[in-house]
Amino acid sequence: MTGEKRWRYLIVWEFRPRPGAEARFGRAYGPEGVWAKLFRQGEGFLGTELVRDERDQRRFLTMDGWESRQAYETFRAAHQSDYEALDAECEELTELEKEIGKFERL
């Protein structure tokens, strides 16, 4: 999430890719992946980061930065069906998908 604007709202997810799907997972969930491309359709999206746990190489976190909670909620309302379709399409890539939380910068 580089750039001039800092996120004010951050959504964090934990993932564990299926064995053998790690490369496809990285391409789908990384900063230039299909999820980031979908989010870019929303005004106020600032970027996605994908990080891997150094102790558990199969554990990943995604962090999606937004200008505000309202920007994220507006995006979700406008793109709900696209979000659900992509979620179903990417389901085969993971054996664990868990929302860690939604955070507001203080």
N, C-alpha and C. Protein backbone atom coordinates (compact mmCIF):
# COMPACT_ATOMS: atom_id res chain seq x y z
N MET A 1 0.84 -1.17 0.00
CA MET A 1 0.00 0.00 0.00
C MET A 1 0.88 1.23 0.00
N THR A 2 1.58 1.36 -1.05
CA THR A 2 2.44 2.52 -1.20
C THR A 2 1.66 3.65 -1.83
N GLY A 3 2.22 4.79 -1.79
CA GLY A 3 1.56 5.94 -2.38
C GLY A 3 1.47 7.07 -1.39
N GLU A 4 0.81 8.11 -1.82
CA GLU A 4 0.74 9.31 -1.01
C GLU A 4 -0.29 9.21 0.11
N LYS A 5 -1.38 8.48 -0.13
CA LYS A 5 -2.44 8.42 0.86
C LYS A 5 -2.23 7.23 1.79
N ARG A 6 -2.48 7.44 3.05
CA ARG A 6 -2.40 6.37 4.04
C ARG A 6 -3.80 5.84 4.29
N TRP A 7 -3.89 4.55 4.52
CA TRP A 7 -5.21 3.97 4.78
C TRP A 7 -5.78 4.50 6.09
N ARG A 8 -7.09 4.58 6.11
CA ARG A 8 -7.82 4.93 7.34
C ARG A 8 -8.63 3.72 7.80
N TYR A 9 -8.82 2.76 6.89
CA TYR A 9 -9.61 1.56 7.17
C TYR A 9 -8.88 0.38 6.56
N LEU A 10 -8.67 -0.67 7.33
CA LEU A 10 -7.87 -1.81 6.90
C LEU A 10 -8.61 -3.10 7.20
N ILE A 11 -8.70 -3.98 6.20
CA ILE A 11 -9.31 -5.29 6.38
C ILE A 11 -8.21 -6.33 6.28
N VAL A 12 -8.12 -7.21 7.29
CA VAL A 12 -7.06 -8.21 7.35
C VAL A 12 -7.68 -9.60 7.33
N TRP A 13 -7.16 -10.44 6.42
CA TRP A 13 -7.60 -11.84 6.31
C TRP A 13 -6.40 -12.76 6.48
N GLU A 14 -6.66 -13.93 7.05
CA GLU A 14 -5.66 -14.99 7.14
C GLU A 14 -6.04 -16.09 6.16
N PHE A 15 -5.02 -16.62 5.47
CA PHE A 15 -5.23 -17.69 4.49
C PHE A 15 -4.19 -18.78 4.65
N ARG A 16 -4.59 -19.96 4.27
CA ARG A 16 -3.67 -21.09 4.13
C ARG A 16 -4.00 -21.71 2.77
N PRO A 17 -3.11 -21.53 1.79
CA PRO A 17 -3.36 -22.10 0.46
C PRO A 17 -3.34 -23.63 0.51
N ARG A 18 -4.07 -24.23 -0.40
CA ARG A 18 -4.02 -25.68 -0.53
C ARG A 18 -2.63 -26.07 -1.04
N PRO A 19 -2.11 -27.21 -0.60
CA PRO A 19 -0.82 -27.66 -1.12
C PRO A 19 -0.84 -27.74 -2.64
N GLY A 20 0.17 -27.17 -3.25
CA GLY A 20 0.27 -27.15 -4.70
C GLY A 20 -0.37 -25.93 -5.35
N ALA A 21 -1.14 -25.17 -4.57
CA ALA A 21 -1.83 -23.99 -5.12
C ALA A 21 -1.18 -22.68 -4.68
N GLU A 22 -0.01 -22.76 -4.04
CA GLU A 22 0.61 -21.55 -3.48
C GLU A 22 0.90 -20.48 -4.53
N ALA A 23 1.42 -20.87 -5.67
CA ALA A 23 1.75 -19.88 -6.71
C ALA A 23 0.49 -19.22 -7.25
N ARG A 24 -0.53 -20.01 -7.52
CA ARG A 24 -1.80 -19.44 -8.01
C ARG A 24 -2.44 -18.56 -6.95
N PHE A 25 -2.34 -18.98 -5.70
CA PHE A 25 -2.85 -18.17 -4.60
C PHE A 25 -2.16 -16.80 -4.58
N GLY A 26 -0.84 -16.81 -4.65
CA GLY A 26 -0.09 -15.55 -4.64
C GLY A 26 -0.47 -14.63 -5.78
N ARG A 27 -0.69 -15.20 -6.95
CA ARG A 27 -1.09 -14.38 -8.10
C ARG A 27 -2.50 -13.82 -7.91
N ALA A 28 -3.40 -14.57 -7.30
CA ALA A 28 -4.78 -14.11 -7.12
C ALA A 28 -4.92 -13.09 -6.00
N TYR A 29 -4.16 -13.28 -4.91
CA TYR A 29 -4.35 -12.46 -3.72
C TYR A 29 -3.30 -11.38 -3.53
N GLY A 30 -2.30 -11.33 -4.39
CA GLY A 30 -1.26 -10.33 -4.27
C GLY A 30 -1.70 -8.95 -4.73
N PRO A 31 -0.80 -7.97 -4.66
CA PRO A 31 -1.14 -6.58 -4.98
C PRO A 31 -1.61 -6.34 -6.41
N GLU A 32 -1.28 -7.24 -7.32
CA GLU A 32 -1.74 -7.10 -8.71
C GLU A 32 -2.72 -8.21 -9.09
N GLY A 33 -3.22 -8.93 -8.10
CA GLY A 33 -4.09 -10.06 -8.34
C GLY A 33 -5.53 -9.68 -8.65
N VAL A 34 -6.34 -10.70 -8.85
CA VAL A 34 -7.74 -10.48 -9.24
C VAL A 34 -8.54 -9.76 -8.16
N TRP A 35 -8.19 -10.01 -6.89
CA TRP A 35 -8.91 -9.30 -5.82
C TRP A 35 -8.59 -7.81 -5.87
N ALA A 36 -7.33 -7.46 -5.99
CA ALA A 36 -6.96 -6.05 -6.05
C ALA A 36 -7.59 -5.37 -7.27
N LYS A 37 -7.64 -6.10 -8.38
CA LYS A 37 -8.28 -5.53 -9.57
C LYS A 37 -9.76 -5.25 -9.33
N LEU A 38 -10.42 -6.16 -8.63
CA LEU A 38 -11.83 -5.90 -8.30
C LEU A 38 -11.94 -4.70 -7.37
N PHE A 39 -11.12 -4.66 -6.32
CA PHE A 39 -11.20 -3.56 -5.37
C PHE A 39 -10.91 -2.21 -6.03
N ARG A 40 -10.05 -2.20 -7.03
CA ARG A 40 -9.73 -0.94 -7.72
C ARG A 40 -10.94 -0.31 -8.39
N GLN A 41 -11.98 -1.07 -8.58
CA GLN A 41 -13.21 -0.52 -9.16
C GLN A 41 -13.93 0.37 -8.14
N GLY A 42 -13.53 0.29 -6.89
CA GLY A 42 -14.14 1.11 -5.85
C GLY A 42 -13.34 2.36 -5.57
N GLU A 43 -14.01 3.46 -5.48
CA GLU A 43 -13.35 4.71 -5.12
C GLU A 43 -12.88 4.62 -3.68
N GLY A 44 -11.65 4.99 -3.44
CA GLY A 44 -11.13 4.97 -2.08
C GLY A 44 -10.28 3.75 -1.76
N PHE A 45 -10.10 2.83 -2.70
CA PHE A 45 -9.22 1.69 -2.47
C PHE A 45 -7.77 2.15 -2.62
N LEU A 46 -6.92 1.78 -1.66
CA LEU A 46 -5.54 2.25 -1.67
C LEU A 46 -4.52 1.15 -1.97
N GLY A 47 -4.92 -0.09 -1.86
CA GLY A 47 -3.99 -1.16 -2.20
C GLY A 47 -4.12 -2.38 -1.31
N THR A 48 -3.50 -3.46 -1.78
CA THR A 48 -3.47 -4.74 -1.08
C THR A 48 -2.03 -5.13 -0.83
N GLU A 49 -1.78 -5.68 0.33
CA GLU A 49 -0.48 -6.29 0.63
C GLU A 49 -0.72 -7.75 0.97
N LEU A 50 0.20 -8.60 0.53
CA LEU A 50 0.17 -10.02 0.84
C LEU A 50 1.47 -10.34 1.57
N VAL A 51 1.37 -10.89 2.77
CA VAL A 51 2.56 -11.22 3.55
C VAL A 51 2.49 -12.68 3.99
N ARG A 52 3.69 -13.27 4.16
CA ARG A 52 3.78 -14.67 4.58
C ARG A 52 4.43 -14.74 5.96
N ASP A 53 3.92 -15.60 6.80
CA ASP A 53 4.46 -15.83 8.14
C ASP A 53 5.83 -16.49 8.00
N GLU A 54 6.84 -15.92 8.65
CA GLU A 54 8.20 -16.48 8.51
C GLU A 54 8.35 -17.79 9.27
N ARG A 55 7.50 -18.05 10.25
CA ARG A 55 7.57 -19.31 10.99
C ARG A 55 6.72 -20.41 10.37
N ASP A 56 5.69 -20.03 9.66
CA ASP A 56 4.78 -20.99 9.03
C ASP A 56 4.61 -20.54 7.58
N GLN A 57 5.38 -21.11 6.68
CA GLN A 57 5.44 -20.68 5.28
C GLN A 57 4.13 -20.88 4.53
N ARG A 58 3.18 -21.57 5.11
CA ARG A 58 1.89 -21.77 4.45
C ARG A 58 0.81 -20.83 4.99
N ARG A 59 1.17 -19.93 5.90
CA ARG A 59 0.22 -18.98 6.48
C ARG A 59 0.47 -17.59 5.87
N PHE A 60 -0.58 -17.01 5.34
CA PHE A 60 -0.51 -15.70 4.69
C PHE A 60 -1.56 -14.76 5.29
N LEU A 61 -1.26 -13.47 5.24
CA LEU A 61 -2.23 -12.44 5.57
C LEU A 61 -2.37 -11.52 4.37
N THR A 62 -3.60 -11.08 4.11
CA THR A 62 -3.81 -9.99 3.17
C THR A 62 -4.28 -8.78 3.98
N MET A 63 -3.86 -7.61 3.52
CA MET A 63 -4.25 -6.36 4.15
C MET A 63 -4.73 -5.42 3.04
N ASP A 64 -5.99 -5.09 3.09
CA ASP A 64 -6.60 -4.23 2.07
C ASP A 64 -6.88 -2.87 2.68
N GLY A 65 -6.23 -1.84 2.14
CA GLY A 65 -6.36 -0.50 2.68
C GLY A 65 -7.37 0.34 1.91
N TRP A 66 -8.16 1.07 2.66
CA TRP A 66 -9.19 1.95 2.11
C TRP A 66 -9.09 3.32 2.74
N GLU A 67 -9.57 4.33 2.04
CA GLU A 67 -9.57 5.69 2.58
C GLU A 67 -10.48 5.80 3.80
N SER A 68 -11.56 5.00 3.82
CA SER A 68 -12.52 5.08 4.92
C SER A 68 -13.39 3.83 4.94
N ARG A 69 -14.05 3.62 6.06
CA ARG A 69 -15.02 2.51 6.14
C ARG A 69 -16.14 2.73 5.13
N GLN A 70 -16.56 3.97 4.99
CA GLN A 70 -17.64 4.28 4.04
C GLN A 70 -17.24 3.91 2.61
N ALA A 71 -16.00 4.19 2.23
CA ALA A 71 -15.54 3.83 0.88
C ALA A 71 -15.62 2.32 0.67
N TYR A 72 -15.19 1.55 1.68
CA TYR A 72 -15.26 0.10 1.58
C TYR A 72 -16.71 -0.38 1.50
N GLU A 73 -17.56 0.13 2.37
CA GLU A 73 -18.96 -0.29 2.39
C GLU A 73 -19.68 0.08 1.10
N THR A 74 -19.36 1.23 0.54
CA THR A 74 -19.95 1.63 -0.74
C THR A 74 -19.51 0.68 -1.84
N PHE A 75 -18.22 0.34 -1.85
CA PHE A 75 -17.72 -0.63 -2.82
C PHE A 75 -18.45 -1.96 -2.67
N ARG A 76 -18.54 -2.50 -1.46
CA ARG A 76 -19.18 -3.80 -1.24
C ARG A 76 -20.63 -3.79 -1.70
N ALA A 77 -21.35 -2.73 -1.42
CA ALA A 77 -22.76 -2.65 -1.83
C ALA A 77 -22.88 -2.64 -3.36
N ALA A 78 -21.99 -1.93 -4.01
CA ALA A 78 -22.05 -1.80 -5.48
C ALA A 78 -21.54 -3.03 -6.20
N HIS A 79 -20.68 -3.82 -5.57
CA HIS A 79 -20.02 -4.95 -6.24
C HIS A 79 -20.24 -6.28 -5.52
N GLN A 80 -21.34 -6.38 -4.78
CA GLN A 80 -21.59 -7.58 -3.98
C GLN A 80 -21.59 -8.86 -4.82
N SER A 81 -22.26 -8.85 -5.94
CA SER A 81 -22.33 -10.07 -6.76
C SER A 81 -20.97 -10.42 -7.36
N ASP A 82 -20.20 -9.43 -7.79
CA ASP A 82 -18.85 -9.68 -8.31
C ASP A 82 -17.95 -10.24 -7.20
N TYR A 83 -18.08 -9.70 -5.99
CA TYR A 83 -17.29 -10.15 -4.85
C TYR A 83 -17.60 -11.62 -4.55
N GLU A 84 -18.88 -11.95 -4.49
CA GLU A 84 -19.28 -13.32 -4.18
C GLU A 84 -18.84 -14.30 -5.27
N ALA A 85 -18.93 -13.89 -6.53
CA ALA A 85 -18.50 -14.76 -7.64
C ALA A 85 -17.00 -15.02 -7.57
N LEU A 86 -16.22 -13.98 -7.30
CA LEU A 86 -14.77 -14.15 -7.22
C LEU A 86 -14.39 -14.99 -5.99
N ASP A 87 -15.09 -14.79 -4.90
CA ASP A 87 -14.85 -15.59 -3.70
C ASP A 87 -15.09 -17.07 -3.99
N ALA A 88 -16.15 -17.39 -4.70
CA ALA A 88 -16.45 -18.78 -5.05
C ALA A 88 -15.39 -19.34 -6.00
N GLU A 89 -14.95 -18.52 -6.94
CA GLU A 89 -13.93 -18.94 -7.91
C GLU A 89 -12.59 -19.23 -7.23
N CYS A 90 -12.23 -18.44 -6.23
CA CYS A 90 -10.94 -18.59 -5.56
C CYS A 90 -10.97 -19.59 -4.41
N GLU A 91 -12.15 -20.08 -4.07
CA GLU A 91 -12.28 -21.00 -2.94
C GLU A 91 -11.40 -22.24 -3.10
N GLU A 92 -11.23 -22.71 -4.32
CA GLU A 92 -10.42 -23.91 -4.55
C GLU A 92 -8.95 -23.71 -4.23
N LEU A 93 -8.50 -22.47 -4.08
CA LEU A 93 -7.09 -22.18 -3.82
C LEU A 93 -6.72 -22.30 -2.35
N THR A 94 -7.71 -22.28 -1.45
CA THR A 94 -7.40 -22.22 -0.03
C THR A 94 -8.07 -23.33 0.77
N GLU A 95 -7.39 -23.73 1.86
CA GLU A 95 -8.01 -24.65 2.80
C GLU A 95 -8.42 -23.91 4.08
N LEU A 96 -7.96 -22.66 4.23
CA LEU A 96 -8.37 -21.82 5.35
C LEU A 96 -8.51 -20.39 4.84
N GLU A 97 -9.61 -19.76 5.20
CA GLU A 97 -9.87 -18.34 4.90
C GLU A 97 -10.61 -17.78 6.09
N LYS A 98 -9.97 -16.85 6.80
CA LYS A 98 -10.54 -16.34 8.04
C LYS A 98 -10.31 -14.83 8.14
N GLU A 99 -11.39 -14.09 8.34
CA GLU A 99 -11.24 -12.65 8.54
C GLU A 99 -10.68 -12.41 9.93
N ILE A 100 -9.54 -11.73 9.99
CA ILE A 100 -8.92 -11.38 11.26
C ILE A 100 -9.61 -10.18 11.88
N GLY A 101 -9.93 -9.20 11.03
CA GLY A 101 -10.64 -8.05 11.55
C GLY A 101 -10.61 -6.86 10.61
N LYS A 102 -11.37 -5.85 11.00
CA LYS A 102 -11.43 -4.58 10.28
C LYS A 102 -10.95 -3.52 11.26
N PHE A 103 -10.02 -2.71 10.82
CA PHE A 103 -9.33 -1.79 11.72
C PHE A 103 -9.42 -0.37 11.19
N GLU A 104 -9.60 0.58 12.12
CA GLU A 104 -9.59 1.99 11.78
C GLU A 104 -8.32 2.62 12.37
N ARG A 105 -7.65 3.42 11.56
CA ARG A 105 -6.46 4.13 12.03
C ARG A 105 -6.90 5.20 13.02
N LEU A 106 -6.18 5.31 14.10
CA LEU A 106 -6.50 6.32 15.13
C LEU A 106 -5.67 7.57 14.92
